[in-house]
Amino acid sequence: MTTRKEKIIIGNLKMNGSLDFYSSYFNDVKENLKNLNNVLIGLCVPYPYLFKAEEILKNSNIGWGSQNVAKFLSGAYTGEVSAGMLKDFLSLYVIVGHSERNTAYCESDENIADKFKIIKDQGMMPILCVGETLIEREAGIMETVVESQLKAIIERYGAKTFDDTIIAYEPIWAIGSDMAATPAQTNKMCKFIRNKINKNITNEVKNLKIIYGGSVNTKNALQLFALESVDGGLIGRASLDVSEFVSICKAATSVTKK
């Protein structure tokens, strides 16, 4: 049996849970997904629980990481967490540029670009979130908005810095709204993102995954993951429920098989 390229599913647990929750959650996810093939799985958890992720998920088929990182390696930055600190817990993934952080902390595209680069320099995989608001979508400027978010990284560090990275297209209007982008909207934007990154470079970027986030659930996962330009999903609210997250991961497995 032949297979399509493997999908990647990232759970974004956001600011949820407790030590008891994660002790149970990690063990349950590990057990239920241990025999899953053709899907890469990652969990991005609050900083305090990275030690528990390493303890339970080490030597499993599930990677882990964080939902943010400082733009500096060390120094007098009270309350920040550096990339080196994340690596101490064998973190692989780091979400950067999520709209919820951008709204709360007013992060600029340039600031996000610097974080993206430091994640790469420290040998971890950034998950760059891009997307438009509902007003921008209705105005028809969604591609212009997303292009400007990508442009900050390309102009500072070059398109090839997207080698071995993940971009999550997350239309801001769909996050936590039960209103996911349509398959046509999703496929078009993910294709647009890949084309913009590969434009004007001799060789295409390598191992770039473009995934969709924004109210992914068991009802729409199969349809979204089957799209030609979609390499997987960034799962928010649905990742908190083990059975739902497992079902979404299994949906990704099913579409890798012809």
Protein backbone atom coordinates (compact mmCIF):
# COMPACT_ATOMS: atom_id res chain seq x y z
CA MET A 1 0.00 0.00 0.00
CA THR A 2 1.34 3.42 -0.93
CA THR A 3 0.99 6.45 1.32
CA ARG A 4 0.79 10.17 0.94
CA LYS A 5 3.14 12.41 2.89
CA GLU A 6 2.63 12.14 6.62
CA LYS A 7 0.47 14.64 8.44
CA ILE A 8 1.33 16.53 11.62
CA ILE A 9 -1.08 17.24 14.46
CA ILE A 10 -0.19 19.73 17.19
CA GLY A 11 -2.29 20.14 20.32
CA ASN A 12 -2.27 23.65 21.79
CA LEU A 13 -3.43 23.19 25.40
CA LYS A 14 -3.30 26.96 26.05
CA MET A 15 -3.53 28.09 29.72
CA ASN A 16 -5.42 25.04 30.93
CA GLY A 17 -4.86 22.09 33.24
CA SER A 18 -3.06 21.25 36.46
CA LEU A 19 -0.38 18.81 37.56
CA ASP A 20 -2.99 16.11 38.12
CA PHE A 21 -4.59 16.84 34.75
CA TYR A 22 -1.34 16.56 32.82
CA SER A 23 -0.17 13.45 34.67
CA SER A 24 -3.34 11.72 33.50
CA TYR A 25 -3.58 13.41 30.11
CA PHE A 26 -0.05 12.58 28.94
CA ASN A 27 -0.41 8.93 29.96
CA ASP A 28 -3.80 8.61 28.24
CA VAL A 29 -2.65 10.22 25.00
CA LYS A 30 0.54 8.17 25.00
CA GLU A 31 -1.38 4.92 25.43
CA ASN A 32 -4.09 5.68 22.87
CA LEU A 33 -1.73 6.88 20.14
CA LYS A 34 1.19 4.49 20.61
CA ASN A 35 0.49 2.47 17.45
CA LEU A 36 -0.49 5.35 15.18
CA ASN A 37 1.40 5.50 11.87
CA ASN A 38 1.99 8.23 9.27
CA VAL A 39 1.23 11.08 11.68
CA LEU A 40 3.61 13.25 13.69
CA ILE A 41 2.07 14.33 16.99
CA GLY A 42 3.07 17.22 19.25
CA LEU A 43 1.67 18.82 22.39
CA CYS A 44 2.36 22.45 23.29
CA VAL A 45 1.74 22.91 27.00
CA PRO A 46 2.13 25.65 29.64
CA TYR A 47 5.75 26.10 30.77
CA PRO A 48 5.34 24.56 34.26
CA TYR A 49 4.31 21.19 32.83
CA LEU A 50 7.19 20.67 30.40
CA PHE A 51 8.97 18.59 33.02
CA LYS A 52 5.96 16.26 33.21
CA ALA A 53 5.79 16.02 29.41
CA GLU A 54 9.45 14.98 29.32
CA GLU A 55 8.96 12.50 32.15
CA ILE A 56 5.96 10.73 30.60
CA LEU A 57 6.34 11.23 26.83
CA LYS A 58 10.08 10.60 26.52
CA ASN A 59 10.77 7.65 24.16
CA SER A 60 7.18 7.78 22.88
CA ASN A 61 5.93 8.80 19.43
CA ILE A 62 4.70 12.14 20.80
CA GLY A 63 6.79 15.32 20.87
CA TRP A 64 6.19 18.31 23.11
CA GLY A 65 6.95 21.97 23.44
CA SER A 66 5.68 25.39 24.49
CA GLN A 67 3.28 28.09 23.38
CA ASN A 68 5.79 30.96 23.36
CA VAL A 69 9.45 31.86 23.95
CA ALA A 70 11.50 34.95 24.77
CA LYS A 71 13.33 36.75 21.95
CA PHE A 72 16.54 36.79 24.05
CA LEU A 73 18.75 33.90 25.17
CA SER A 74 19.32 35.30 28.67
CA GLY A 75 19.43 38.51 30.66
CA ALA A 76 17.38 40.86 32.80
CA TYR A 77 13.99 39.99 31.31
CA THR A 78 11.82 39.28 34.31
CA GLY A 79 9.14 36.68 33.68
CA GLU A 80 10.50 35.52 30.32
CA VAL A 81 11.49 31.96 29.36
CA SER A 82 14.38 31.42 26.95
CA ALA A 83 14.79 28.88 24.16
CA GLY A 84 17.66 27.32 26.09
CA MET A 85 15.39 26.73 29.06
CA LEU A 86 12.88 24.99 26.82
CA LYS A 87 15.63 22.74 25.45
CA ASP A 88 16.49 21.67 29.01
CA PHE A 89 13.20 19.77 28.91
CA LEU A 90 13.85 18.38 25.41
CA SER A 91 11.19 20.62 23.86
CA LEU A 92 10.84 20.20 20.11
CA TYR A 93 8.01 22.57 19.15
CA VAL A 94 7.42 26.25 19.94
CA ILE A 95 4.31 28.16 18.91
CA VAL A 96 5.06 31.75 17.89
CA GLY A 97 2.79 34.55 16.71
CA HIS A 98 -0.49 33.11 17.96
CA SER A 99 -3.22 35.75 17.63
CA GLU A 100 -4.26 35.37 21.27
CA ARG A 101 -0.79 36.48 22.36
CA ASN A 102 -0.60 39.16 19.71
CA THR A 103 -3.85 40.67 20.95
CA ALA A 104 -2.94 40.52 24.64
CA TYR A 105 0.73 41.57 24.34
CA CYS A 106 0.79 43.60 21.11
CA GLU A 107 3.62 41.63 19.51
CA SER A 108 4.86 43.08 16.23
CA ASP A 109 5.63 41.03 13.12
CA GLU A 110 9.31 41.97 13.60
CA ASN A 111 9.29 40.67 17.18
CA ILE A 112 7.71 37.43 16.02
CA ALA A 113 10.36 37.14 13.27
CA ASP A 114 13.15 37.40 15.85
CA LYS A 115 11.53 34.73 18.01
CA PHE A 116 11.12 32.50 14.95
CA LYS A 117 14.82 32.76 14.17
CA ILE A 118 16.00 32.10 17.70
CA ILE A 119 13.85 28.96 17.83
CA LYS A 120 15.50 27.75 14.63
CA ASP A 121 18.99 28.66 15.88
CA GLN A 122 18.39 26.60 19.02
CA GLY A 123 17.47 23.51 17.01
CA MET A 124 13.74 23.50 17.72
CA MET A 125 10.81 23.69 15.29
CA PRO A 126 8.77 26.90 15.23
CA ILE A 127 5.04 26.76 14.62
CA LEU A 128 4.35 30.17 13.09
CA CYS A 129 0.71 31.26 13.28
CA VAL A 130 -0.64 33.52 10.55
CA GLY A 131 -4.16 34.62 9.75
CA GLU A 132 -6.66 37.41 9.22
CA THR A 133 -9.55 38.92 11.16
CA LEU A 134 -13.14 38.66 9.97
CA ILE A 135 -13.09 42.32 8.90
CA GLU A 136 -9.97 41.68 6.80
CA ARG A 137 -11.55 38.58 5.25
CA GLU A 138 -14.75 40.45 4.38
CA ALA A 139 -12.67 43.28 2.91
CA GLY A 140 -10.91 40.78 0.66
CA ILE A 141 -7.42 41.61 1.96
CA MET A 142 -6.74 38.31 3.75
CA GLU A 143 -3.89 37.38 1.42
CA THR A 144 -2.27 40.80 1.84
CA VAL A 145 -2.45 40.42 5.63
CA VAL A 146 -0.92 36.95 5.64
CA GLU A 147 1.76 37.96 3.14
CA SER A 148 2.85 40.82 5.43
CA GLN A 149 3.17 38.38 8.34
CA LEU A 150 5.44 36.14 6.27
CA LYS A 151 7.34 39.08 4.78
CA ALA A 152 8.75 40.14 8.16
CA ILE A 153 10.63 36.83 8.42
CA ILE A 154 11.61 36.60 4.75
CA GLU A 155 13.06 40.13 4.65
CA ARG A 156 15.04 39.69 7.89
CA TYR A 157 16.27 36.13 7.50
CA GLY A 158 15.47 34.87 3.99
CA ALA A 159 12.92 32.40 2.72
CA LYS A 160 15.21 29.41 3.32
CA THR A 161 14.85 29.93 7.06
CA PHE A 162 11.48 28.22 6.58
CA ASP A 163 13.27 24.89 6.06
CA ASP A 164 12.10 22.38 8.69
CA THR A 165 9.32 24.55 10.05
CA ILE A 166 5.56 24.58 10.48
CA ILE A 167 3.19 27.36 9.49
CA ALA A 168 -0.30 27.26 10.96
CA TYR A 169 -2.95 29.13 9.01
CA GLU A 170 -5.35 30.23 11.72
CA PRO A 171 -8.04 32.64 10.57
CA ILE A 172 -8.55 34.70 13.71
CA TRP A 173 -12.32 34.75 13.22
CA ALA A 174 -12.44 30.95 13.41
CA ILE A 175 -10.46 30.41 16.63
CA GLY A 176 -12.74 29.06 19.36
CA SER A 177 -15.82 30.09 17.39
CA ASP A 178 -17.21 26.77 16.06
CA MET A 179 -16.91 28.41 12.64
CA ALA A 180 -13.99 26.83 10.78
CA ALA A 181 -12.85 28.14 7.41
CA THR A 182 -14.40 26.29 4.49
CA PRO A 183 -12.30 23.66 2.70
CA ALA A 184 -12.03 25.98 -0.32
CA GLN A 185 -10.84 28.93 1.82
CA THR A 186 -8.36 26.73 3.67
CA ASN A 187 -6.90 25.04 0.61
CA LYS A 188 -6.51 28.34 -1.23
CA MET A 189 -4.73 30.09 1.65
CA CYS A 190 -2.39 27.19 2.43
CA LYS A 191 -1.40 27.03 -1.24
CA PHE A 192 -0.91 30.80 -1.27
CA ILE A 193 1.41 30.61 1.75
CA ARG A 194 3.61 27.93 0.17
CA ASN A 195 3.83 29.80 -3.13
CA LYS A 196 4.76 33.08 -1.42
CA ILE A 197 7.59 31.45 0.53
CA ASN A 198 9.00 29.65 -2.50
CA LYS A 199 8.76 32.70 -4.77
CA ASN A 200 12.09 34.09 -5.98
CA ILE A 201 14.28 31.31 -4.54
CA THR A 202 16.08 28.75 -6.64
CA ASN A 203 15.25 25.69 -4.56
CA GLU A 204 12.01 25.15 -2.68
CA VAL A 205 12.14 25.13 1.10
CA LYS A 206 12.54 21.67 2.58
CA ASN A 207 10.22 19.96 5.02
CA LEU A 208 7.82 22.88 5.33
CA LYS A 209 4.50 21.82 6.83
CA ILE A 210 1.49 24.08 6.38
CA ILE A 211 -1.34 23.16 8.74
CA TYR A 212 -4.77 24.55 9.56
CA GLY A 213 -6.00 25.77 12.95
CA GLY A 214 -9.29 27.33 13.96
CA SER A 215 -12.10 25.23 15.43
CA VAL A 216 -10.81 21.88 14.17
CA ASN A 217 -12.90 19.05 15.64
CA THR A 218 -13.92 15.46 14.95
CA LYS A 219 -16.66 16.63 12.60
CA ASN A 220 -14.47 18.59 10.18
CA ALA A 221 -11.00 17.07 10.67
CA LEU A 222 -11.22 14.42 7.96
CA GLN A 223 -12.39 16.88 5.32
CA LEU A 224 -9.75 19.47 6.24
CA PHE A 225 -6.84 17.02 6.39
CA ALA A 226 -7.77 15.51 3.02
CA LEU A 227 -7.14 18.84 1.29
CA GLU A 228 -4.18 18.85 -1.09
CA SER A 229 -2.43 21.85 0.49
CA VAL A 230 -3.06 21.01 4.15
CA ASP A 231 -0.40 19.03 6.02
CA GLY A 232 -2.29 18.66 9.31
CA GLY A 233 -3.79 20.72 12.10
CA LEU A 234 -3.15 22.91 15.12
CA ILE A 235 -5.81 21.80 17.58
CA GLY A 236 -6.89 24.14 20.37
CA ARG A 237 -10.02 23.52 22.42
CA ALA A 238 -10.54 19.99 21.09
CA SER A 239 -7.07 18.94 22.28
CA LEU A 240 -8.20 19.17 25.93
CA ASP A 241 -10.42 16.12 25.50
CA VAL A 242 -8.29 13.00 25.10
CA SER A 243 -10.90 11.03 23.15
CA GLU A 244 -11.52 13.90 20.73
CA PHE A 245 -7.81 14.59 20.22
CA VAL A 246 -7.16 10.89 19.59
CA SER A 247 -10.01 10.79 17.05
CA ILE A 248 -8.58 13.81 15.23
CA CYS A 249 -5.15 12.16 15.08
CA LYS A 250 -6.72 8.99 13.68
CA ALA A 251 -8.53 11.04 11.05
CA ALA A 252 -5.14 12.39 9.94
CA THR A 253 -3.81 8.83 9.68
CA SER A 254 -6.71 7.72 7.53
CA VAL A 255 -6.11 10.36 4.85
CA THR A 256 -2.46 9.32 4.41
CA LYS A 257 -3.64 6.00 3.00
CA LYS A 258 -4.89 5.64 -0.53
